[in-house]
Amino acid sequence: MGFSDADWAGCPDSRRSITGYCFFIGQSLICWKSKKQLTVSKSSSEAEYRALASATCELQWLTYLLRDLQVDCIKGPVLYCDSQSALHIASNPVF
């Protein structure tokens, strides 16, 4: 299970957004990251979408790592995001 979030234009100097995510196995935190985004996002939706994309890449890597370590996952991975607009962008194949 993972959580993704972004702070739009969180850096007062460069106006770049801050991406953050964390992942759990059960109740145990196994991975987390907070990093300034490489580009300036023009909207909070764009910043949240970039954070969601970054978290998705990390989640895919963790899934492959667990498979290589022969850890069986009963449930599929779940990634939570608090931005409805980012979720709509991610679910639309045109975007």
N, C-alpha and C. Protein backbone atom coordinates (compact mmCIF):
# COMPACT_ATOMS: atom_id res chain seq x y z
N MET A 1 0.86 -1.16 0.00
CA MET A 1 0.00 0.00 0.00
C MET A 1 0.91 1.23 0.00
N GLY A 2 0.53 2.22 -0.83
CA GLY A 2 1.34 3.42 -0.91
C GLY A 2 0.50 4.68 -0.90
N PHE A 3 1.14 5.77 -0.55
CA PHE A 3 0.51 7.08 -0.52
C PHE A 3 1.39 8.07 -1.26
N SER A 4 0.77 8.93 -2.06
CA SER A 4 1.49 9.91 -2.86
C SER A 4 0.90 11.30 -2.60
N ASP A 5 1.78 12.32 -2.57
CA ASP A 5 1.31 13.69 -2.38
C ASP A 5 2.34 14.64 -2.96
N ALA A 6 1.90 15.87 -3.21
CA ALA A 6 2.78 16.91 -3.71
C ALA A 6 2.41 18.24 -3.07
N ASP A 7 3.41 19.07 -2.89
CA ASP A 7 3.23 20.43 -2.38
C ASP A 7 3.50 21.37 -3.55
N TRP A 8 2.44 21.90 -4.14
CA TRP A 8 2.58 22.72 -5.34
C TRP A 8 3.36 24.00 -5.04
N ALA A 9 4.40 24.25 -5.82
CA ALA A 9 5.27 25.43 -5.69
C ALA A 9 5.76 25.59 -4.26
N GLY A 10 6.15 24.49 -3.64
CA GLY A 10 6.56 24.49 -2.25
C GLY A 10 7.89 25.15 -1.97
N CYS A 11 8.76 25.21 -2.97
CA CYS A 11 10.06 25.85 -2.79
C CYS A 11 9.91 27.35 -3.06
N PRO A 12 10.15 28.22 -2.08
CA PRO A 12 9.95 29.66 -2.30
C PRO A 12 10.97 30.28 -3.25
N ASP A 13 12.13 29.65 -3.42
CA ASP A 13 13.16 30.20 -4.29
C ASP A 13 12.93 29.87 -5.77
N SER A 14 12.68 28.58 -6.05
CA SER A 14 12.55 28.14 -7.44
C SER A 14 11.11 27.93 -7.87
N ARG A 15 10.15 27.95 -6.93
CA ARG A 15 8.73 27.68 -7.18
C ARG A 15 8.48 26.28 -7.70
N ARG A 16 9.43 25.38 -7.49
CA ARG A 16 9.22 23.99 -7.87
C ARG A 16 8.44 23.27 -6.77
N SER A 17 7.71 22.25 -7.16
CA SER A 17 6.88 21.48 -6.23
C SER A 17 7.70 20.41 -5.54
N ILE A 18 7.21 19.96 -4.41
CA ILE A 18 7.86 18.89 -3.64
C ILE A 18 7.01 17.64 -3.77
N THR A 19 7.65 16.55 -4.16
CA THR A 19 6.99 15.25 -4.28
C THR A 19 7.29 14.42 -3.05
N GLY A 20 6.29 13.70 -2.58
CA GLY A 20 6.50 12.80 -1.47
C GLY A 20 5.67 11.55 -1.61
N TYR A 21 6.24 10.41 -1.21
CA TYR A 21 5.47 9.18 -1.19
C TYR A 21 6.03 8.25 -0.13
N CYS A 22 5.21 7.30 0.29
CA CYS A 22 5.64 6.27 1.24
C CYS A 22 4.90 4.97 0.92
N PHE A 23 5.53 3.86 1.26
CA PHE A 23 4.95 2.54 1.00
C PHE A 23 5.03 1.68 2.25
N PHE A 24 3.99 0.89 2.43
CA PHE A 24 3.86 0.01 3.58
C PHE A 24 3.63 -1.42 3.13
N ILE A 25 4.15 -2.36 3.91
CA ILE A 25 3.75 -3.76 3.83
C ILE A 25 3.10 -4.05 5.16
N GLY A 26 1.79 -4.22 5.14
CA GLY A 26 1.04 -4.35 6.39
C GLY A 26 1.10 -3.03 7.14
N GLN A 27 1.58 -3.07 8.38
CA GLN A 27 1.72 -1.87 9.19
C GLN A 27 3.13 -1.29 9.14
N SER A 28 4.03 -1.94 8.41
CA SER A 28 5.45 -1.55 8.41
C SER A 28 5.80 -0.66 7.24
N LEU A 29 6.38 0.48 7.53
CA LEU A 29 6.87 1.39 6.50
C LEU A 29 8.14 0.82 5.92
N ILE A 30 8.17 0.63 4.58
CA ILE A 30 9.34 0.03 3.96
C ILE A 30 10.10 0.99 3.05
N CYS A 31 9.45 2.07 2.62
CA CYS A 31 10.09 2.97 1.67
C CYS A 31 9.41 4.33 1.73
N TRP A 32 10.19 5.38 1.64
CA TRP A 32 9.62 6.73 1.57
C TRP A 32 10.60 7.65 0.85
N LYS A 33 10.09 8.75 0.32
CA LYS A 33 10.94 9.69 -0.39
C LYS A 33 10.25 11.05 -0.44
N SER A 34 11.03 12.08 -0.32
CA SER A 34 10.57 13.44 -0.50
C SER A 34 11.63 14.16 -1.33
N LYS A 35 11.22 14.75 -2.45
CA LYS A 35 12.19 15.35 -3.36
C LYS A 35 11.57 16.51 -4.11
N LYS A 36 12.39 17.50 -4.40
CA LYS A 36 11.93 18.62 -5.21
C LYS A 36 11.80 18.14 -6.66
N GLN A 37 10.69 18.48 -7.31
CA GLN A 37 10.49 18.07 -8.70
C GLN A 37 11.48 18.78 -9.61
N LEU A 38 11.81 18.15 -10.72
CA LEU A 38 12.82 18.70 -11.63
C LEU A 38 12.33 19.89 -12.43
N THR A 39 11.03 19.97 -12.65
CA THR A 39 10.48 21.07 -13.45
C THR A 39 9.43 21.82 -12.64
N VAL A 40 9.12 23.02 -13.10
CA VAL A 40 8.09 23.83 -12.45
C VAL A 40 6.73 23.40 -12.99
N SER A 41 5.83 23.04 -12.11
CA SER A 41 4.47 22.65 -12.50
C SER A 41 3.60 23.89 -12.58
N LYS A 42 2.77 23.96 -13.59
CA LYS A 42 1.92 25.12 -13.79
C LYS A 42 0.62 25.05 -13.00
N SER A 43 0.32 23.91 -12.41
CA SER A 43 -0.90 23.77 -11.62
C SER A 43 -0.68 22.72 -10.54
N SER A 44 -1.55 22.73 -9.55
CA SER A 44 -1.46 21.72 -8.50
C SER A 44 -1.78 20.34 -9.06
N SER A 45 -2.65 20.28 -10.07
CA SER A 45 -2.98 19.00 -10.70
C SER A 45 -1.76 18.39 -11.37
N GLU A 46 -0.98 19.23 -12.05
CA GLU A 46 0.22 18.75 -12.71
C GLU A 46 1.25 18.27 -11.69
N ALA A 47 1.40 19.01 -10.60
CA ALA A 47 2.34 18.61 -9.55
C ALA A 47 1.92 17.28 -8.92
N GLU A 48 0.63 17.13 -8.65
CA GLU A 48 0.12 15.88 -8.07
C GLU A 48 0.29 14.71 -9.05
N TYR A 49 0.06 14.97 -10.35
CA TYR A 49 0.21 13.92 -11.35
C TYR A 49 1.67 13.48 -11.44
N ARG A 50 2.60 14.42 -11.41
CA ARG A 50 4.02 14.07 -11.43
C ARG A 50 4.40 13.23 -10.20
N ALA A 51 3.85 13.60 -9.05
CA ALA A 51 4.11 12.83 -7.83
C ALA A 51 3.54 11.43 -7.95
N LEU A 52 2.35 11.32 -8.51
CA LEU A 52 1.71 10.02 -8.69
C LEU A 52 2.52 9.15 -9.65
N ALA A 53 3.03 9.75 -10.72
CA ALA A 53 3.85 9.00 -11.69
C ALA A 53 5.15 8.51 -11.05
N SER A 54 5.77 9.36 -10.23
CA SER A 54 7.00 8.96 -9.55
C SER A 54 6.73 7.83 -8.56
N ALA A 55 5.64 7.93 -7.83
CA ALA A 55 5.28 6.88 -6.87
C ALA A 55 4.94 5.58 -7.59
N THR A 56 4.31 5.67 -8.74
CA THR A 56 3.98 4.47 -9.52
C THR A 56 5.24 3.74 -9.97
N CYS A 57 6.24 4.49 -10.40
CA CYS A 57 7.52 3.86 -10.80
C CYS A 57 8.16 3.14 -9.62
N GLU A 58 8.15 3.78 -8.46
CA GLU A 58 8.71 3.16 -7.26
C GLU A 58 7.91 1.92 -6.86
N LEU A 59 6.60 1.99 -6.97
CA LEU A 59 5.75 0.85 -6.63
C LEU A 59 6.02 -0.32 -7.56
N GLN A 60 6.21 -0.05 -8.84
CA GLN A 60 6.51 -1.11 -9.80
C GLN A 60 7.85 -1.76 -9.45
N TRP A 61 8.84 -0.94 -9.10
CA TRP A 61 10.15 -1.46 -8.74
C TRP A 61 10.05 -2.33 -7.48
N LEU A 62 9.30 -1.86 -6.49
CA LEU A 62 9.12 -2.65 -5.26
C LEU A 62 8.42 -3.97 -5.54
N THR A 63 7.46 -3.96 -6.44
CA THR A 63 6.76 -5.19 -6.82
C THR A 63 7.73 -6.19 -7.44
N TYR A 64 8.58 -5.71 -8.35
CA TYR A 64 9.58 -6.59 -8.96
C TYR A 64 10.59 -7.10 -7.92
N LEU A 65 10.99 -6.24 -7.00
CA LEU A 65 11.93 -6.64 -5.96
C LEU A 65 11.34 -7.74 -5.08
N LEU A 66 10.10 -7.57 -4.66
CA LEU A 66 9.46 -8.59 -3.83
C LEU A 66 9.31 -9.90 -4.59
N ARG A 67 9.00 -9.81 -5.87
CA ARG A 67 8.89 -11.03 -6.68
C ARG A 67 10.25 -11.73 -6.78
N ASP A 68 11.34 -10.95 -6.98
CA ASP A 68 12.68 -11.54 -7.04
C ASP A 68 13.08 -12.18 -5.71
N LEU A 69 12.61 -11.61 -4.60
CA LEU A 69 12.89 -12.17 -3.29
C LEU A 69 11.93 -13.29 -2.91
N GLN A 70 11.06 -13.67 -3.84
CA GLN A 70 10.08 -14.74 -3.69
C GLN A 70 9.12 -14.48 -2.53
N VAL A 71 8.70 -13.21 -2.41
CA VAL A 71 7.69 -12.83 -1.43
C VAL A 71 6.35 -12.83 -2.15
N ASP A 72 5.44 -13.68 -1.70
CA ASP A 72 4.12 -13.76 -2.32
C ASP A 72 3.21 -12.67 -1.74
N CYS A 73 2.63 -11.89 -2.61
CA CYS A 73 1.69 -10.85 -2.21
C CYS A 73 0.27 -11.38 -2.45
N ILE A 74 -0.52 -11.42 -1.40
CA ILE A 74 -1.89 -11.90 -1.52
C ILE A 74 -2.75 -10.89 -2.27
N LYS A 75 -2.61 -9.63 -1.90
CA LYS A 75 -3.38 -8.57 -2.54
C LYS A 75 -2.50 -7.82 -3.54
N GLY A 76 -3.12 -7.22 -4.52
CA GLY A 76 -2.39 -6.38 -5.46
C GLY A 76 -2.01 -5.07 -4.80
N PRO A 77 -1.00 -4.39 -5.33
CA PRO A 77 -0.59 -3.12 -4.73
C PRO A 77 -1.65 -2.03 -4.93
N VAL A 78 -1.77 -1.15 -3.95
CA VAL A 78 -2.73 -0.05 -3.98
C VAL A 78 -1.96 1.24 -3.75
N LEU A 79 -2.23 2.25 -4.57
CA LEU A 79 -1.59 3.55 -4.43
C LEU A 79 -2.68 4.60 -4.23
N TYR A 80 -2.60 5.32 -3.12
CA TYR A 80 -3.58 6.34 -2.79
C TYR A 80 -3.06 7.72 -3.14
N CYS A 81 -3.97 8.57 -3.62
CA CYS A 81 -3.65 9.95 -3.97
C CYS A 81 -4.82 10.81 -3.54
N ASP A 82 -4.54 12.00 -3.00
CA ASP A 82 -5.62 12.85 -2.49
C ASP A 82 -6.13 13.86 -3.52
N SER A 83 -5.65 13.79 -4.74
CA SER A 83 -6.05 14.75 -5.77
C SER A 83 -6.97 14.09 -6.80
N GLN A 84 -8.22 14.50 -6.83
CA GLN A 84 -9.16 13.95 -7.80
C GLN A 84 -8.76 14.32 -9.23
N SER A 85 -8.24 15.51 -9.43
CA SER A 85 -7.85 15.92 -10.79
C SER A 85 -6.68 15.08 -11.30
N ALA A 86 -5.70 14.77 -10.44
CA ALA A 86 -4.59 13.92 -10.86
C ALA A 86 -5.07 12.51 -11.18
N LEU A 87 -6.03 12.01 -10.41
CA LEU A 87 -6.58 10.68 -10.69
C LEU A 87 -7.33 10.66 -12.02
N HIS A 88 -8.04 11.73 -12.35
CA HIS A 88 -8.75 11.80 -13.63
C HIS A 88 -7.76 11.88 -14.79
N ILE A 89 -6.68 12.62 -14.62
CA ILE A 89 -5.66 12.70 -15.66
C ILE A 89 -5.03 11.33 -15.86
N ALA A 90 -4.72 10.63 -14.77
CA ALA A 90 -4.07 9.32 -14.85
C ALA A 90 -4.98 8.26 -15.47
N SER A 91 -6.28 8.38 -15.26
CA SER A 91 -7.20 7.36 -15.78
C SER A 91 -7.62 7.61 -17.21
N ASN A 92 -7.32 8.79 -17.76
CA ASN A 92 -7.70 9.13 -19.13
C ASN A 92 -6.55 8.79 -20.07
N PRO A 93 -6.70 7.79 -20.97
CA PRO A 93 -5.60 7.40 -21.84
C PRO A 93 -5.21 8.48 -22.87
N VAL A 94 -6.06 9.45 -23.11
CA VAL A 94 -5.71 10.51 -24.06
C VAL A 94 -4.60 11.39 -23.49
N PHE A 95 -4.65 11.64 -22.18
CA PHE A 95 -3.61 12.47 -21.55
C PHE A 95 -2.34 11.70 -21.35
